[in-house]
Amino acid sequence: MKKVFVIEKEDNVGTAVREPIKRGEEVGTDGRVTDVVVTALDDIAYGHKIALRDIAKGETVIKYALSIGTATQDIKAGQHVHIHNVESNRGRGDKVAAGN
């Protein structure tokens, strides 16, 4: 079984820190949280995140017990979580605020 790294119980995503994950593979959690298992609905690249449970549009995405952004669409457990379905609360980096 592939493993993703998870620190806190409130985290709703895990990070693929060992190897990429292929769609259809069973994925378990490792780190402080070791009791979650999901089936990957998408390919997950090394360093990217997978949803550990359903995340509703507008819900906060939590990694390492910290908000990393807001879901821009409903995300199902096992889906790839990245810039295509999360708006970062740290800014995109490609837009300049008005007046700057």
PDB file of N, CA and C in Angstrom:
ATOM      1  N   MET A   1       0.843  -1.176   0.000  1.00  0.00           N
ATOM      2  CA  MET A   1       0.000   0.000   0.000  1.00  0.00           C
ATOM      3  C   MET A   1       0.891   1.243   0.000  1.00  0.00           C
ATOM      4  N   LYS A   2       0.573   2.206  -0.853  1.00  0.00           N
ATOM      5  CA  LYS A   2       1.287   3.475  -0.876  1.00  0.00           C
ATOM      6  C   LYS A   2       0.943   4.251   0.394  1.00  0.00           C
ATOM      7  N   LYS A   3       1.839   5.133   0.820  1.00  0.00           N
ATOM      8  CA  LYS A   3       1.643   5.918   2.036  1.00  0.00           C
ATOM      9  C   LYS A   3       1.788   7.406   1.748  1.00  0.00           C
ATOM     10  N   VAL A   4       0.991   8.209   2.461  1.00  0.00           N
ATOM     11  CA  VAL A   4       1.112   9.661   2.426  1.00  0.00           C
ATOM     12  C   VAL A   4       1.351  10.144   3.850  1.00  0.00           C
ATOM     13  N   PHE A   5       2.026  11.266   3.962  1.00  0.00           N
ATOM     14  CA  PHE A   5       2.424  11.803   5.256  1.00  0.00           C
ATOM     15  C   PHE A   5       1.330  12.704   5.816  1.00  0.00           C
ATOM     16  N   VAL A   6       0.950  12.441   7.070  1.00  0.00           N
ATOM     17  CA  VAL A   6      -0.079  13.220   7.757  1.00  0.00           C
ATOM     18  C   VAL A   6       0.389  13.470   9.190  1.00  0.00           C
ATOM     19  N   ILE A   7       0.287  14.713   9.641  1.00  0.00           N
ATOM     20  CA  ILE A   7       0.749  15.080  10.986  1.00  0.00           C
ATOM     21  C   ILE A   7      -0.385  15.085  12.012  1.00  0.00           C
ATOM     22  N   GLU A   8      -1.500  15.733  11.699  1.00  0.00           N
ATOM     23  CA  GLU A   8      -2.552  15.952  12.698  1.00  0.00           C
ATOM     24  C   GLU A   8      -3.888  15.347  12.276  1.00  0.00           C
ATOM     25  N   LYS A   9      -4.690  14.969  13.273  1.00  0.00           N
ATOM     26  CA  LYS A   9      -6.002  14.359  13.014  1.00  0.00           C
ATOM     27  C   LYS A   9      -6.916  15.260  12.194  1.00  0.00           C
ATOM     28  N   GLU A  10      -6.790  16.587  12.352  1.00  0.00           N
ATOM     29  CA  GLU A  10      -7.680  17.493  11.618  1.00  0.00           C
ATOM     30  C   GLU A  10      -7.259  17.699  10.163  1.00  0.00           C
ATOM     31  N   ASP A  11      -6.074  17.216   9.776  1.00  0.00           N
ATOM     32  CA  ASP A  11      -5.641  17.334   8.379  1.00  0.00           C
ATOM     33  C   ASP A  11      -6.636  16.619   7.463  1.00  0.00           C
ATOM     34  N   ASN A  12      -7.033  17.278   6.387  1.00  0.00           N
ATOM     35  CA  ASN A  12      -7.935  16.628   5.434  1.00  0.00           C
ATOM     36  C   ASN A  12      -7.224  16.279   4.131  1.00  0.00           C
ATOM     37  N   VAL A  13      -5.904  16.489   4.101  1.00  0.00           N
ATOM     38  CA  VAL A  13      -5.073  16.057   2.977  1.00  0.00           C
ATOM     39  C   VAL A  13      -3.808  15.386   3.508  1.00  0.00           C
ATOM     40  N   GLY A  14      -3.235  14.519   2.695  1.00  0.00           N
ATOM     41  CA  GLY A  14      -1.947  13.905   2.984  1.00  0.00           C
ATOM     42  C   GLY A  14      -1.020  14.184   1.819  1.00  0.00           C
ATOM     43  N   THR A  15       0.285  14.169   2.071  1.00  0.00           N
ATOM     44  CA  THR A  15       1.281  14.494   1.053  1.00  0.00           C
ATOM     45  C   THR A  15       2.071  13.252   0.648  1.00  0.00           C
ATOM     46  N   ALA A  16       2.185  13.061  -0.667  1.00  0.00           N
ATOM     47  CA  ALA A  16       2.943  11.930  -1.214  1.00  0.00           C
ATOM     48  C   ALA A  16       4.429  12.267  -1.117  1.00  0.00           C
ATOM     49  N   VAL A  17       5.069  11.860  -0.014  1.00  0.00           N
ATOM     50  CA  VAL A  17       6.473  12.224   0.208  1.00  0.00           C
ATOM     51  C   VAL A  17       7.448  11.088  -0.092  1.00  0.00           C
ATOM     52  N   ARG A  18       6.947   9.915  -0.432  1.00  0.00           N
ATOM     53  CA  ARG A  18       7.843   8.791  -0.723  1.00  0.00           C
ATOM     54  C   ARG A  18       7.922   8.473  -2.211  1.00  0.00           C
ATOM     55  N   GLU A  19       6.767   8.514  -2.873  1.00  0.00           N
ATOM     56  CA  GLU A  19       6.707   8.143  -4.283  1.00  0.00           C
ATOM     57  C   GLU A  19       5.383   8.600  -4.874  1.00  0.00           C
ATOM     58  N   PRO A  20       5.307   8.697  -6.192  1.00  0.00           N
ATOM     59  CA  PRO A  20       4.033   9.049  -6.827  1.00  0.00           C
ATOM     60  C   PRO A  20       2.992   7.948  -6.578  1.00  0.00           C
ATOM     61  N   ILE A  21       1.734   8.321  -6.723  1.00  0.00           N
ATOM     62  CA  ILE A  21       0.622   7.394  -6.521  1.00  0.00           C
ATOM     63  C   ILE A  21      -0.166   7.323  -7.823  1.00  0.00           C
ATOM     64  N   LYS A  22      -0.564   6.134  -8.197  1.00  0.00           N
ATOM     65  CA  LYS A  22      -1.349   5.937  -9.416  1.00  0.00           C
ATOM     66  C   LYS A  22      -2.831   5.793  -9.075  1.00  0.00           C
ATOM     67  N   ARG A  23      -3.659   6.288  -9.976  1.00  0.00           N
ATOM     68  CA  ARG A  23      -5.109   6.146  -9.833  1.00  0.00           C
ATOM     69  C   ARG A  23      -5.454   4.682  -9.575  1.00  0.00           C
ATOM     70  N   GLY A  24      -6.336   4.441  -8.600  1.00  0.00           N
ATOM     71  CA  GLY A  24      -6.780   3.100  -8.274  1.00  0.00           C
ATOM     72  C   GLY A  24      -5.992   2.428  -7.158  1.00  0.00           C
ATOM     73  N   GLU A  25      -4.826   2.991  -6.804  1.00  0.00           N
ATOM     74  CA  GLU A  25      -4.030   2.402  -5.731  1.00  0.00           C
ATOM     75  C   GLU A  25      -4.628   2.741  -4.368  1.00  0.00           C
ATOM     76  N   GLU A  26      -4.494   1.805  -3.432  1.00  0.00           N
ATOM     77  CA  GLU A  26      -4.901   2.041  -2.059  1.00  0.00           C
ATOM     78  C   GLU A  26      -3.810   2.866  -1.390  1.00  0.00           C
ATOM     79  N   VAL A  27      -4.240   3.878  -0.624  1.00  0.00           N
ATOM     80  CA  VAL A  27      -3.311   4.806   0.005  1.00  0.00           C
ATOM     81  C   VAL A  27      -3.619   4.878   1.495  1.00  0.00           C
ATOM     82  N   GLY A  28      -2.590   4.654   2.303  1.00  0.00           N
ATOM     83  CA  GLY A  28      -2.728   4.771   3.748  1.00  0.00           C
ATOM     84  C   GLY A  28      -1.935   5.961   4.253  1.00  0.00           C
ATOM     85  N   THR A  29      -2.178   6.318   5.511  1.00  0.00           N
ATOM     86  CA  THR A  29      -1.486   7.455   6.100  1.00  0.00           C
ATOM     87  C   THR A  29      -0.338   6.997   6.984  1.00  0.00           C
ATOM     88  N   ASP A  30       0.679   7.844   7.047  1.00  0.00           N
ATOM     89  CA  ASP A  30       1.859   7.587   7.858  1.00  0.00           C
ATOM     90  C   ASP A  30       2.250   8.909   8.510  1.00  0.00           C
ATOM     91  N   GLY A  31       2.973   8.869   9.592  1.00  0.00           N
ATOM     92  CA  GLY A  31       3.306  10.060  10.370  1.00  0.00           C
ATOM     93  C   GLY A  31       2.660   9.886  11.728  1.00  0.00           C
ATOM     94  N   ARG A  32       2.069  10.945  12.256  1.00  0.00           N
ATOM     95  CA  ARG A  32       1.340  10.822  13.530  1.00  0.00           C
ATOM     96  C   ARG A  32      -0.021  10.171  13.343  1.00  0.00           C
ATOM     97  N   VAL A  33      -0.582  10.273  12.148  1.00  0.00           N
ATOM     98  CA  VAL A  33      -1.887   9.682  11.842  1.00  0.00           C
ATOM     99  C   VAL A  33      -1.654   8.483  10.938  1.00  0.00           C
ATOM    100  N   THR A  34      -2.114   7.310  11.371  1.00  0.00           N
ATOM    101  CA  THR A  34      -1.825   6.088  10.620  1.00  0.00           C
ATOM    102  C   THR A  34      -3.064   5.250  10.333  1.00  0.00           C
ATOM    103  N   ASP A  35      -4.253   5.799  10.558  1.00  0.00           N
ATOM    104  CA  ASP A  35      -5.459   4.979  10.473  1.00  0.00           C
ATOM    105  C   ASP A  35      -6.422   5.347   9.347  1.00  0.00           C
ATOM    106  N   VAL A  36      -5.969   6.128   8.368  1.00  0.00           N
ATOM    107  CA  VAL A  36      -6.841   6.522   7.257  1.00  0.00           C
ATOM    108  C   VAL A  36      -6.392   5.785   6.003  1.00  0.00           C
ATOM    109  N   VAL A  37      -7.368   5.249   5.266  1.00  0.00           N
ATOM    110  CA  VAL A  37      -7.091   4.584   3.990  1.00  0.00           C
ATOM    111  C   VAL A  37      -8.103   5.094   2.969  1.00  0.00           C
ATOM    112  N   VAL A  38      -7.616   5.495   1.795  1.00  0.00           N
ATOM    113  CA  VAL A  38      -8.467   5.913   0.687  1.00  0.00           C
ATOM    114  C   VAL A  38      -7.956   5.263  -0.591  1.00  0.00           C
ATOM    115  N   THR A  39      -8.789   5.249  -1.608  1.00  0.00           N
ATOM    116  CA  THR A  39      -8.376   4.801  -2.935  1.00  0.00           C
ATOM    117  C   THR A  39      -8.133   6.035  -3.787  1.00  0.00           C
ATOM    118  N   ALA A  40      -6.975   6.107  -4.421  1.00  0.00           N
ATOM    119  CA  ALA A  40      -6.637   7.260  -5.259  1.00  0.00           C
ATOM    120  C   ALA A  40      -7.571   7.322  -6.461  1.00  0.00           C
ATOM    121  N   LEU A  41      -8.229   8.452  -6.640  1.00  0.00           N
ATOM    122  CA  LEU A  41      -9.113   8.667  -7.781  1.00  0.00           C
ATOM    123  C   LEU A  41      -8.375   9.323  -8.946  1.00  0.00           C
ATOM    124  N   ASP A  42      -7.175   9.819  -8.676  1.00  0.00           N
ATOM    125  CA  ASP A  42      -6.333  10.474  -9.675  1.00  0.00           C
ATOM    126  C   ASP A  42      -4.895  10.026  -9.448  1.00  0.00           C
ATOM    127  N   ASP A  43      -4.040  10.254 -10.435  1.00  0.00           N
ATOM    128  CA  ASP A  43      -2.608  10.116 -10.216  1.00  0.00           C
ATOM    129  C   ASP A  43      -2.171  11.271  -9.316  1.00  0.00           C
ATOM    130  N   ILE A  44      -1.300  10.988  -8.355  1.00  0.00           N
ATOM    131  CA  ILE A  44      -0.806  12.007  -7.430  1.00  0.00           C
ATOM    132  C   ILE A  44       0.719  12.045  -7.565  1.00  0.00           C
ATOM    133  N   ALA A  45       1.245  13.171  -8.015  1.00  0.00           N
ATOM    134  CA  ALA A  45       2.692  13.319  -8.194  1.00  0.00           C
ATOM    135  C   ALA A  45       3.393  13.396  -6.846  1.00  0.00           C
ATOM    136  N   TYR A  46       4.665  13.026  -6.848  1.00  0.00           N
ATOM    137  CA  TYR A  46       5.494  13.160  -5.660  1.00  0.00           C
ATOM    138  C   TYR A  46       5.420  14.605  -5.152  1.00  0.00           C
ATOM    139  N   GLY A  47       5.181  14.766  -3.858  1.00  0.00           N
ATOM    140  CA  GLY A  47       5.107  16.094  -3.257  1.00  0.00           C
ATOM    141  C   GLY A  47       3.733  16.730  -3.309  1.00  0.00           C
ATOM    142  N   HIS A  48       2.810  16.109  -4.007  1.00  0.00           N
ATOM    143  CA  HIS A  48       1.466  16.658  -4.116  1.00  0.00           C
ATOM    144  C   HIS A  48       0.559  16.033  -3.059  1.00  0.00           C
ATOM    145  N   LYS A  49      -0.662  16.559  -2.968  1.00  0.00           N
ATOM    146  CA  LYS A  49      -1.583  16.170  -1.909  1.00  0.00           C
ATOM    147  C   LYS A  49      -2.757  15.359  -2.443  1.00  0.00           C
ATOM    148  N   ILE A  50      -3.294  14.507  -1.550  1.00  0.00           N
ATOM    149  CA  ILE A  50      -4.483  13.713  -1.830  1.00  0.00           C
ATOM    150  C   ILE A  50      -5.497  13.999  -0.728  1.00  0.00           C
ATOM    151  N   ALA A  51      -6.765  14.092  -1.096  1.00  0.00           N
ATOM    152  CA  ALA A  51      -7.827  14.306  -0.106  1.00  0.00           C
ATOM    153  C   ALA A  51      -8.034  13.031   0.702  1.00  0.00           C
ATOM    154  N   LEU A  52      -8.048  13.178   2.020  1.00  0.00           N
ATOM    155  CA  LEU A  52      -8.251  12.039   2.910  1.00  0.00           C
ATOM    156  C   LEU A  52      -9.719  11.818   3.226  1.00  0.00           C
ATOM    157  N   ARG A  53     -10.525  12.819   2.944  1.00  0.00           N
ATOM    158  CA  ARG A  53     -11.979  12.742   3.110  1.00  0.00           C
ATOM    159  C   ARG A  53     -12.589  13.739   2.142  1.00  0.00           C
ATOM    160  N   ASP A  54     -13.896  13.687   1.985  1.00  0.00           N
ATOM    161  CA  ASP A  54     -14.555  14.667   1.125  1.00  0.00           C
ATOM    162  C   ASP A  54     -14.350  16.067   1.695  1.00  0.00           C
ATOM    163  N   ILE A  55     -14.057  17.013   0.807  1.00  0.00           N
ATOM    164  CA  ILE A  55     -13.876  18.416   1.180  1.00  0.00           C
ATOM    165  C   ILE A  55     -14.863  19.219   0.327  1.00  0.00           C
ATOM    166  N   ALA A  56     -15.764  19.927   0.973  1.00  0.00           N
ATOM    167  CA  ALA A  56     -16.793  20.688   0.251  1.00  0.00           C
ATOM    168  C   ALA A  56     -16.226  21.993  -0.307  1.00  0.00           C
ATOM    169  N   LYS A  57     -16.803  22.438  -1.412  1.00  0.00           N
ATOM    170  CA  LYS A  57     -16.446  23.735  -1.983  1.00  0.00           C
ATOM    171  C   LYS A  57     -16.580  24.790  -0.884  1.00  0.00           C
ATOM    172  N   GLY A  58     -15.557  25.625  -0.734  1.00  0.00           N
ATOM    173  CA  GLY A  58     -15.565  26.675   0.278  1.00  0.00           C
ATOM    174  C   GLY A  58     -14.965  26.251   1.613  1.00  0.00           C
ATOM    175  N   GLU A  59     -14.721  24.949   1.782  1.00  0.00           N
ATOM    176  CA  GLU A  59     -14.148  24.444   3.024  1.00  0.00           C
ATOM    177  C   GLU A  59     -12.634  24.690   3.048  1.00  0.00           C
ATOM    178  N   THR A  60     -12.107  24.865   4.239  1.00  0.00           N
ATOM    179  CA  THR A  60     -10.673  25.062   4.418  1.00  0.00           C
ATOM    180  C   THR A  60      -9.929  23.747   4.196  1.00  0.00           C
ATOM    181  N   VAL A  61      -8.831  23.819   3.447  1.00  0.00           N
ATOM    182  CA  VAL A  61      -7.959  22.669   3.235  1.00  0.00           C
ATOM    183  C   VAL A  61      -6.874  22.744   4.313  1.00  0.00           C
ATOM    184  N   ILE A  62      -6.735  21.664   5.091  1.00  0.00           N
ATOM    185  CA  ILE A  62      -5.851  21.642   6.248  1.00  0.00           C
ATOM    186  C   ILE A  62      -4.699  20.654   6.019  1.00  0.00           C
ATOM    187  N   LYS A  63      -3.470  21.146   6.173  1.00  0.00           N
ATOM    188  CA  LYS A  63      -2.259  20.322   6.071  1.00  0.00           C
ATOM    189  C   LYS A  63      -1.361  20.700   7.240  1.00  0.00           C
ATOM    190  N   TYR A  64      -0.891  19.712   7.982  1.00  0.00           N
ATOM    191  CA  TYR A  64      -0.043  19.936   9.156  1.00  0.00           C
ATOM    192  C   TYR A  64      -0.740  20.840  10.171  1.00  0.00           C
ATOM    193  N   ALA A  65      -2.068  20.684  10.295  1.00  0.00           N
ATOM    194  CA  ALA A  65      -2.917  21.435  11.228  1.00  0.00           C
ATOM    195  C   ALA A  65      -3.019  22.919  10.885  1.00  0.00           C
ATOM    196  N   LEU A  66      -2.641  23.299   9.666  1.00  0.00           N
ATOM    197  CA  LEU A  66      -2.703  24.693   9.236  1.00  0.00           C
ATOM    198  C   LEU A  66      -3.540  24.811   7.970  1.00  0.00           C
ATOM    199  N   SER A  67      -4.237  25.929   7.851  1.00  0.00           N
ATOM    200  CA  SER A  67      -4.982  26.216   6.633  1.00  0.00           C
ATOM    201  C   SER A  67      -3.997  26.515   5.513  1.00  0.00           C
ATOM    202  N   ILE A  68      -4.154  25.798   4.393  1.00  0.00           N
ATOM    203  CA  ILE A  68      -3.312  26.108   3.229  1.00  0.00           C
ATOM    204  C   ILE A  68      -4.128  26.714   2.095  1.00  0.00           C
ATOM    205  N   GLY A  69      -5.450  26.787   2.281  1.00  0.00           N
ATOM    206  CA  GLY A  69      -6.295  27.380   1.260  1.00  0.00           C
ATOM    207  C   GLY A  69      -7.736  26.972   1.412  1.00  0.00           C
ATOM    208  N   THR A  70      -8.514  27.282   0.375  1.00  0.00           N
ATOM    209  CA  THR A  70      -9.942  27.012   0.350  1.00  0.00           C
ATOM    210  C   THR A  70     -10.279  26.220  -0.912  1.00  0.00           C
ATOM    211  N   ALA A  71     -11.093  25.192  -0.741  1.00  0.00           N
ATOM    212  CA  ALA A  71     -11.513  24.384  -1.893  1.00  0.00           C
ATOM    213  C   ALA A  71     -12.371  25.226  -2.824  1.00  0.00           C
ATOM    214  N   THR A  72     -12.020  25.243  -4.108  1.00  0.00           N
ATOM    215  CA  THR A  72     -12.780  26.010  -5.102  1.00  0.00           C
ATOM    216  C   THR A  72     -13.867  25.166  -5.759  1.00  0.00           C
ATOM    217  N   GLN A  73     -13.892  23.885  -5.417  1.00  0.00           N
ATOM    218  CA  GLN A  73     -14.919  22.960  -5.892  1.00  0.00           C
ATOM    219  C   GLN A  73     -14.985  21.805  -4.900  1.00  0.00           C
ATOM    220  N   ASP A  74     -16.042  21.010  -4.987  1.00  0.00           N
ATOM    221  CA  ASP A  74     -16.113  19.816  -4.147  1.00  0.00           C
ATOM    222  C   ASP A  74     -14.969  18.887  -4.518  1.00  0.00           C
ATOM    223  N   ILE A  75     -14.315  18.333  -3.506  1.00  0.00           N
ATOM    224  CA  ILE A  75     -13.194  17.411  -3.708  1.00  0.00           C
ATOM    225  C   ILE A  75     -13.546  16.113  -2.999  1.00  0.00           C
ATOM    226  N   LYS A  76     -13.494  15.005  -3.714  1.00  0.00           N
ATOM    227  CA  LYS A  76     -13.811  13.704  -3.128  1.00  0.00           C
ATOM    228  C   LYS A  76     -12.570  13.088  -2.494  1.00  0.00           C
ATOM    229  N   ALA A  77     -12.797  12.282  -1.454  1.00  0.00           N
ATOM    230  CA  ALA A  77     -11.695  11.538  -0.839  1.00  0.00           C
ATOM    231  C   ALA A  77     -10.979  10.752  -1.930  1.00  0.00           C
ATOM    232  N   GLY A  78      -9.655  10.871  -1.983  1.00  0.00           N
ATOM    233  CA  GLY A  78      -8.861  10.178  -2.995  1.00  0.00           C
ATOM    234  C   GLY A  78      -8.479  11.035  -4.183  1.00  0.00           C
ATOM    235  N   GLN A  79      -9.058  12.223  -4.302  1.00  0.00           N
ATOM    236  CA  GLN A  79      -8.714  13.094  -5.428  1.00  0.00           C
ATOM    237  C   GLN A  79      -7.434  13.876  -5.164  1.00  0.00           C
ATOM    238  N   HIS A  80      -6.780  14.259  -6.256  1.00  0.00           N
ATOM    239  CA  HIS A  80      -5.606  15.123  -6.230  1.00  0.00           C
ATOM    240  C   HIS A  80      -6.033  16.497  -5.728  1.00  0.00           C
ATOM    241  N   VAL A  81      -5.285  17.064  -4.792  1.00  0.00           N
ATOM    242  CA  VAL A  81      -5.571  18.393  -4.248  1.00  0.00           C
ATOM    243  C   VAL A  81      -4.403  19.289  -4.627  1.00  0.00           C
ATOM    244  N   HIS A  82      -4.695  20.292  -5.468  1.00  0.00           N
ATOM    245  CA  HIS A  82      -3.629  21.168  -5.978  1.00  0.00           C
ATOM    246  C   HIS A  82      -4.270  22.459  -6.471  1.00  0.00           C
ATOM    247  N   ILE A  83      -3.564  23.239  -7.247  1.00  0.00           N
ATOM    248  CA  ILE A  83      -4.046  24.565  -7.645  1.00  0.00           C
ATOM    249  C   ILE A  83      -5.293  24.533  -8.521  1.00  0.00           C
ATOM    250  N   HIS A  84      -5.632  23.385  -9.098  1.00  0.00           N
ATOM    251  CA  HIS A  84      -6.821  23.298  -9.936  1.00  0.00           C
ATOM    252  C   HIS A  84      -8.107  23.228  -9.109  1.00  0.00           C
ATOM    253  N   ASN A  85      -8.005  22.939  -7.795  1.00  0.00           N
ATOM    254  CA  ASN A  85      -9.210  22.861  -6.976  1.00  0.00           C
ATOM    255  C   ASN A  85      -9.050  23.501  -5.595  1.00  0.00           C
ATOM    256  N   VAL A  86      -7.958  24.252  -5.398  1.00  0.00           N
ATOM    257  CA  VAL A  86      -7.725  24.964  -4.142  1.00  0.00           C
ATOM    258  C   VAL A  86      -7.176  26.353  -4.447  1.00  0.00           C
ATOM    259  N   GLU A  87      -7.723  27.342  -3.764  1.00  0.00           N
ATOM    260  CA  GLU A  87      -7.163  28.692  -3.839  1.00  0.00           C
ATOM    261  C   GLU A  87      -6.319  28.895  -2.593  1.00  0.00           C
ATOM    262  N   SER A  88      -5.056  29.146  -2.780  1.00  0.00           N
ATOM    263  CA  SER A  88      -4.131  29.302  -1.661  1.00  0.00           C
ATOM    264  C   SER A  88      -4.456  30.548  -0.863  1.00  0.00           C
ATOM    265  N   ASN A  89      -4.273  30.475   0.450  1.00  0.00           N
ATOM    266  CA  ASN A  89      -4.435  31.690   1.243  1.00  0.00           C
ATOM    267  C   ASN A  89      -3.109  32.428   1.374  1.00  0.00           C
ATOM    268  N   ARG A  90      -2.111  32.009   0.621  1.00  0.00           N
ATOM    269  CA  ARG A  90      -0.825  32.706   0.579  1.00  0.00           C
ATOM    270  C   ARG A  90      -0.648  33.472  -0.740  1.00  0.00           C
ATOM    271  N   GLY A  91      -1.657  33.444  -1.582  1.00  0.00           N
ATOM    272  CA  GLY A  91      -1.575  34.144  -2.852  1.00  0.00           C
ATOM    273  C   GLY A  91      -0.998  33.261  -3.936  1.00  0.00           C
ATOM    274  N   ARG A  92      -1.343  33.551  -5.168  1.00  0.00           N
ATOM    275  CA  ARG A  92      -0.909  32.733  -6.294  1.00  0.00           C
ATOM    276  C   ARG A  92       0.497  33.073  -6.751  1.00  0.00           C
ATOM    277  N   GLY A  93       0.903  34.296  -6.553  1.00  0.00           N
ATOM    278  CA  GLY A  93       2.237  34.687  -6.988  1.00  0.00           C
ATOM    279  C   GLY A  93       2.292  35.204  -8.401  1.00  0.00           C
ATOM    280  N   ASP A  94       1.200  35.046  -9.159  1.00  0.00           N
ATOM    281  CA  ASP A  94       1.211  35.521 -10.534  1.00  0.00           C
ATOM    282  C   ASP A  94       0.315  36.739 -10.720  1.00  0.00           C
ATOM    283  N   LYS A  95      -0.246  37.239  -9.639  1.00  0.00           N
ATOM    284  CA  LYS A  95      -1.086  38.414  -9.707  1.00  0.00           C
ATOM    285  C   LYS A  95      -0.528  39.472  -8.766  1.00  0.00           C
ATOM    286  N   VAL A  96      -0.626  40.727  -9.192  1.00  0.00           N
ATOM    287  CA  VAL A  96      -0.150  41.822  -8.376  1.00  0.00           C
ATOM    288  C   VAL A  96      -1.372  42.564  -7.864  1.00  0.00           C
ATOM    289  N   ALA A  97      -1.387  42.906  -6.586  1.00  0.00           N
ATOM    290  CA  ALA A  97      -2.502  43.651  -6.000  1.00  0.00           C
ATOM    291  C   ALA A  97      -2.637  45.006  -6.670  1.00  0.00           C
ATOM    292  N   ALA A  98      -3.868  45.485  -6.770  1.00  0.00           N
ATOM    293  CA  ALA A  98      -4.129  46.795  -7.376  1.00  0.00           C
ATOM    294  C   ALA A  98      -3.334  47.871  -6.640  1.00  0.00           C
ATOM    295  N   GLY A  99      -2.729  48.764  -7.376  1.00  0.00           N
ATOM    296  CA  GLY A  99      -1.963  49.855  -6.779  1.00  0.00           C
ATOM    297  C   GLY A  99      -0.497  49.527  -6.563  1.00  0.00           C
ATOM    298  N   ASN A 100      -0.099  48.287  -6.856  1.00  0.00           N
ATOM    299  CA  ASN A 100       1.311  47.905  -6.680  1.00  0.00           C
ATOM    300  C   ASN A 100       2.049  47.922  -7.978  1.00  0.00           C
TER     301      ASN A 100
END
